[in-house]
Structures are given as structure tokens and as C-alpha cells.
Amino acid sequence: MQLNVRDVAKLLNVNEKTVYRWVQSGNLPAYRLNNHYRFNRAELLEWATSHKVNFSVDILQEFEGQSIPSTGLSGALTDGGIHYRVGGTDKESALAAVVELMRLPDEVDKKFLLQVLLAREALASTGIGDGIAIPHVRNPIVLHVPRPMATLCFLERPIDFAALDGKPVICLFTLISPTVRAHLYLLSRLAFALRDSGFKDMITGQGTREEILAEVRRVEKDMK
């Protein structure tokens, strides 16, 4: 479902005038249809996360009870894997290394996926600040996988991703899902987790796999 101005104001806990101001300044991504603004939920979540704008937990609850695989963020990270000292000297080589590590079906063309990810970066950085990026394609990465997966990669050296805060990126989350709805569900849970100081500190401090998954499970309890 595309969101309207009232929906966005409610989800971001601001008034409608603020939403209009963000749109008119060219800051908040929106689409104009029949003289009305409409918003893409995935882009809204990404924008709120990168601009450190709090959003209502209702954005998570909307997906509950719908036909989404039961795996949460902790399950998605377990399936997608957590990797350390990932190589790369620039954005392209780092993303190439990430794609190689992703647990993708055999039929996926990894070279094509890399080109799509780089094309998305050319439009706007997926760096959300504090050394973290969520590389993704313009539309959710939907592949023939049994359930959503999240791959977390810690780079061997920080790389400039042109993030809003100017900090180089050291941690990358890459999401793949079997459906658009599952992608939105997983993205919303990741965005919520990144608002938690304990979880973010564990990520930026490059905790062990066990420590990171324990923090995710702790944060997921607060989502229910």
C-alpha cells in the first residue's frame, strides 16, 4: 500500500505540515499522483533511518499476522551469515566482496546483482551514518529463497560511501527476501534495531556472532 501524507505524519510522529515541508525541500522522497503525494514504505523506512528520524512501532505491527515467513531479524542474520575482515578498497570492490559472500541461489547472476547495487549507489548513498550502510537495489531484492536473509559484513578497512554524516562505512547489511512484503517486514525490524543504542554499539564495535545475535534477540523482544 502506498502511504499518504497523513499516514507518514502518524508513522513519523510529526504533523502534516512538517511532512509537506520535507517533501517541498526535496528531502523526503515522494510521488505526486492526481495532485496528491504518495510515499513508498521501503523508501520511507530507509529515509527515516538515515536521517535519524524516529518512527512509530506501528510500522512494525502492520505486518503482523500477514503471510510473512516467521523468521525474525535474528533468524535472517543466522541464515544470511555474519562475516568479518571483508576485503575491498573502494565501494565497488567492497560490494563485490559482499555479493560473493551472500548465500544466494545458484541461478542468481552475481555480476548483474553487483551492477544493480552499484547503480543504486549512484542514485544516492545507502550509508545511513555511524559507519553503517544497507546496500540494496531501488526495489527490494526479491529472489527465490525460502525465507528472508540478512548478510552482515564488517569491512577490513573503512570505505567512503558518501554517507550523510561523512563517516566512512565499515558495516554493511544486505537483505534478500522471497516477497516485497517480507522485505519490508525485515527492513522495518532492522531499522528499529538500529535505533537501539546497545545493538548499534555492538555492531559498530564488531562484536562476535554470538554477541550480535544475542543483542538482536533482546531487541526483538521489545518489538512485540
Protein backbone atom coordinates (compact mmCIF):
# COMPACT_ATOMS: atom_id res chain seq x y z
CA MET A 1 0.00 0.00 0.00
CA GLN A 2 1.27 3.46 -0.89
CA LEU A 3 1.20 5.88 2.04
CA ASN A 4 -0.37 9.35 2.04
CA VAL A 5 0.73 12.45 3.96
CA ARG A 6 -1.47 11.63 6.93
CA ASP A 7 -0.05 8.09 7.16
CA VAL A 8 3.53 9.39 7.06
CA ALA A 9 2.84 12.04 9.70
CA LYS A 10 1.43 9.37 12.01
CA LEU A 11 4.28 6.91 11.44
CA LEU A 12 6.99 9.55 11.94
CA ASN A 13 5.25 11.22 14.89
CA VAL A 14 5.18 14.67 13.26
CA ASN A 15 2.44 16.95 11.96
CA GLU A 16 1.39 17.03 8.32
CA LYS A 17 2.95 20.47 7.78
CA THR A 18 6.35 19.01 8.63
CA VAL A 19 5.85 16.23 6.07
CA TYR A 20 4.94 18.79 3.37
CA ARG A 21 8.00 20.86 4.30
CA TRP A 22 10.30 17.84 4.00
CA VAL A 23 8.82 16.96 0.61
CA GLN A 24 8.96 20.51 -0.79
CA SER A 25 12.59 20.85 0.26
CA GLY A 26 13.37 17.79 -1.83
CA ASN A 27 14.45 15.92 1.27
CA LEU A 28 11.72 13.29 1.71
CA PRO A 29 11.16 11.04 -1.36
CA ALA A 30 7.56 11.29 -2.61
CA TYR A 31 5.50 10.75 -5.75
CA ARG A 32 2.78 13.09 -6.98
CA LEU A 33 -0.37 11.34 -8.22
CA ASN A 34 -3.51 13.33 -9.10
CA ASN A 35 -2.24 16.32 -7.09
CA HIS A 36 -1.66 14.17 -4.01
CA TYR A 37 1.62 12.98 -2.54
CA ARG A 38 2.20 9.26 -2.14
CA PHE A 39 5.13 7.56 -0.39
CA ASN A 40 6.85 4.20 -0.81
CA ARG A 41 7.09 2.36 2.51
CA ALA A 42 10.57 0.96 1.89
CA GLU A 43 11.94 4.38 0.90
CA LEU A 44 10.27 5.95 3.94
CA LEU A 45 11.91 3.45 6.29
CA GLU A 46 15.30 3.98 4.67
CA TRP A 47 14.92 7.76 4.79
CA ALA A 48 13.86 7.79 8.45
CA THR A 49 16.76 5.53 9.40
CA SER A 50 19.40 7.52 7.51
CA HIS A 51 18.09 10.87 8.83
CA LYS A 52 17.74 9.54 12.40
CA VAL A 53 14.03 10.37 12.43
CA ASN A 54 12.10 8.26 14.94
CA PHE A 55 9.17 6.27 13.62
CA SER A 56 6.21 4.67 15.35
CA VAL A 57 6.38 0.99 16.30
CA ASP A 58 3.02 0.75 14.46
CA ILE A 59 5.01 0.43 11.25
CA LEU A 60 6.13 -2.98 12.55
CA GLN A 61 2.74 -4.07 13.84
CA GLU A 62 1.10 -3.52 10.45
CA PHE A 63 2.89 -6.59 9.11
CA GLU A 64 1.97 -8.88 11.98
CA GLY A 65 -0.49 -11.61 11.13
CA GLN A 66 0.13 -11.30 7.39
CA SER A 67 1.61 -14.02 5.22
CA ILE A 68 5.25 -13.41 6.10
CA PRO A 69 7.81 -16.10 6.95
CA SER A 70 8.09 -16.40 10.72
CA THR A 71 11.84 -15.82 10.84
CA GLY A 72 12.75 -12.54 12.51
CA LEU A 73 15.90 -10.46 12.21
CA SER A 74 17.89 -12.93 14.32
CA GLY A 75 16.81 -15.80 12.08
CA ALA A 76 17.54 -13.78 8.95
CA LEU A 77 21.06 -12.98 10.19
CA THR A 78 21.65 -16.62 11.09
CA ASP A 79 20.62 -17.66 7.58
CA GLY A 80 22.48 -14.84 5.81
CA GLY A 81 25.66 -15.00 7.85
CA ILE A 82 27.94 -12.55 9.67
CA HIS A 83 31.36 -12.03 8.09
CA TYR A 84 34.50 -10.23 9.29
CA ARG A 85 37.51 -8.63 7.59
CA VAL A 86 35.75 -8.44 4.24
CA GLY A 87 38.05 -7.03 1.58
CA GLY A 88 37.67 -4.02 -0.69
CA THR A 89 39.49 -0.77 -1.32
CA ASP A 90 36.54 1.22 -2.66
CA LYS A 91 32.75 0.98 -2.87
CA GLU A 92 32.71 -1.26 -5.96
CA SER A 93 35.27 -3.79 -4.75
CA ALA A 94 33.71 -3.90 -1.26
CA LEU A 95 30.24 -4.58 -2.67
CA ALA A 96 31.72 -7.21 -4.98
CA ALA A 97 33.20 -8.97 -1.96
CA VAL A 98 29.86 -8.77 -0.12
CA VAL A 99 27.94 -10.26 -3.07
CA GLU A 100 30.40 -13.15 -3.26
CA LEU A 101 29.77 -13.94 0.41
CA MET A 102 25.97 -13.81 0.18
CA ARG A 103 24.25 -17.20 0.34
CA LEU A 104 22.41 -16.86 -2.96
CA PRO A 105 20.67 -19.49 -5.09
CA ASP A 106 22.88 -20.94 -7.83
CA GLU A 107 20.79 -19.37 -10.60
CA VAL A 108 21.39 -15.79 -9.37
CA ASP A 109 23.71 -13.79 -11.64
CA LYS A 110 26.04 -12.23 -9.07
CA LYS A 111 27.63 -9.90 -11.61
CA PHE A 112 24.24 -8.49 -12.54
CA LEU A 113 23.28 -8.11 -8.88
CA LEU A 114 26.50 -6.18 -8.25
CA GLN A 115 25.78 -3.83 -11.15
CA VAL A 116 22.28 -3.18 -9.83
CA LEU A 117 23.63 -2.43 -6.35
CA LEU A 118 26.20 -0.02 -7.81
CA ALA A 119 23.51 1.69 -9.90
CA ARG A 120 21.50 2.26 -6.72
CA GLU A 121 24.54 3.76 -5.01
CA ALA A 122 24.96 6.12 -7.97
CA LEU A 123 21.46 7.47 -7.31
CA ALA A 124 22.00 8.03 -3.59
CA SER A 125 24.21 6.56 -0.92
CA THR A 126 22.81 3.74 1.20
CA GLY A 127 25.11 4.83 4.03
CA ILE A 128 22.84 5.64 6.97
CA GLY A 129 25.54 7.13 9.21
CA ASP A 130 27.73 5.94 12.08
CA GLY A 131 29.71 3.74 9.70
CA ILE A 132 26.71 1.62 8.65
CA ALA A 133 25.21 1.04 5.19
CA ILE A 134 22.28 -1.02 3.93
CA PRO A 135 23.13 -1.67 0.26
CA HIS A 136 20.06 -2.61 -1.76
CA VAL A 137 18.52 -2.20 -5.18
CA ARG A 138 15.99 0.53 -5.97
CA ASN A 139 13.25 -2.05 -5.49
CA PRO A 140 13.58 -4.76 -2.82
CA ILE A 141 15.86 -7.69 -3.67
CA VAL A 142 13.28 -10.43 -4.26
CA LEU A 143 14.78 -13.83 -5.07
CA HIS A 144 13.66 -17.46 -4.94
CA VAL A 145 14.70 -18.06 -1.35
CA PRO A 146 12.60 -19.88 1.27
CA ARG A 147 12.72 -17.02 3.78
CA PRO A 148 14.26 -13.55 4.22
CA MET A 149 18.02 -13.39 4.78
CA ALA A 150 20.27 -10.63 6.08
CA THR A 151 24.01 -10.72 5.48
CA LEU A 152 26.16 -8.57 7.78
CA CYS A 153 29.68 -7.80 6.58
CA PHE A 154 32.38 -5.97 8.51
CA LEU A 155 34.91 -4.45 6.12
CA GLU A 156 38.63 -4.87 6.63
CA ARG A 157 39.07 -1.11 6.13
CA PRO A 158 36.60 1.81 6.25
CA ILE A 159 35.36 2.96 2.83
CA ASP A 160 33.77 6.23 1.78
CA PHE A 161 30.09 5.66 0.88
CA ALA A 162 29.19 9.38 0.78
CA ALA A 163 27.02 8.92 3.88
CA LEU A 164 25.10 11.91 5.20
CA ASP A 165 27.34 12.25 8.26
CA GLY A 166 30.51 11.99 6.16
CA LYS A 167 31.78 8.97 8.09
CA PRO A 168 33.28 6.07 6.11
CA VAL A 169 31.38 2.79 6.18
CA ILE A 170 32.68 -0.28 8.00
CA CYS A 171 29.46 -2.35 8.46
CA LEU A 172 27.09 -3.41 5.66
CA PHE A 173 23.70 -5.12 5.98
CA THR A 174 22.37 -6.65 2.75
CA LEU A 175 18.81 -8.04 2.65
CA ILE A 176 17.20 -10.52 0.29
CA SER A 177 13.62 -11.75 0.54
CA PRO A 178 11.12 -14.02 -1.21
CA THR A 179 8.47 -11.25 -1.41
CA VAL A 180 8.27 -7.45 -1.25
CA ARG A 181 6.17 -7.70 1.92
CA ALA A 182 8.80 -9.89 3.60
CA HIS A 183 11.49 -7.37 2.60
CA LEU A 184 9.55 -4.50 4.16
CA TYR A 185 8.98 -6.51 7.31
CA LEU A 186 12.68 -7.35 7.65
CA LEU A 187 13.78 -3.81 6.81
CA SER A 188 11.44 -2.37 9.42
CA ARG A 189 12.85 -4.66 12.09
CA LEU A 190 16.43 -3.76 11.15
CA ALA A 191 15.59 -0.05 11.19
CA PHE A 192 14.00 -0.45 14.64
CA ALA A 193 17.02 -2.39 15.94
CA LEU A 194 19.43 0.29 14.72
CA ARG A 195 17.63 2.80 16.93
CA ASP A 196 18.67 0.77 19.98
CA SER A 197 21.95 2.05 21.42
CA GLY A 198 23.02 -1.34 22.74
CA PHE A 199 22.51 -3.05 19.40
CA LYS A 200 24.19 -0.24 17.47
CA ASP A 201 27.18 -0.25 19.85
CA MET A 202 27.53 -4.00 19.36
CA ILE A 203 27.52 -3.53 15.57
CA THR A 204 29.95 -0.61 15.46
CA GLY A 205 32.16 -2.42 17.98
CA GLN A 206 32.14 -5.54 15.79
CA GLY A 207 31.01 -7.94 18.45
CA THR A 208 31.18 -11.69 17.97
CA ARG A 209 28.45 -13.53 16.07
CA GLU A 210 27.06 -14.86 19.34
CA GLU A 211 27.04 -11.39 20.95
CA ILE A 212 25.35 -9.78 17.94
CA LEU A 213 22.64 -12.43 17.71
CA ALA A 214 22.01 -12.17 21.46
CA GLU A 215 21.55 -8.39 21.11
CA VAL A 216 19.17 -8.90 18.18
CA ARG A 217 17.05 -11.32 20.19
CA ARG A 218 16.94 -8.84 23.08
CA VAL A 219 15.79 -6.02 20.81
CA GLU A 220 13.22 -8.26 19.11
CA LYS A 221 11.52 -8.79 22.46
CA ASP A 222 10.83 -5.03 22.56
CA MET A 223 9.20 -5.21 19.12
CA LYS A 224 6.41 -7.47 20.35
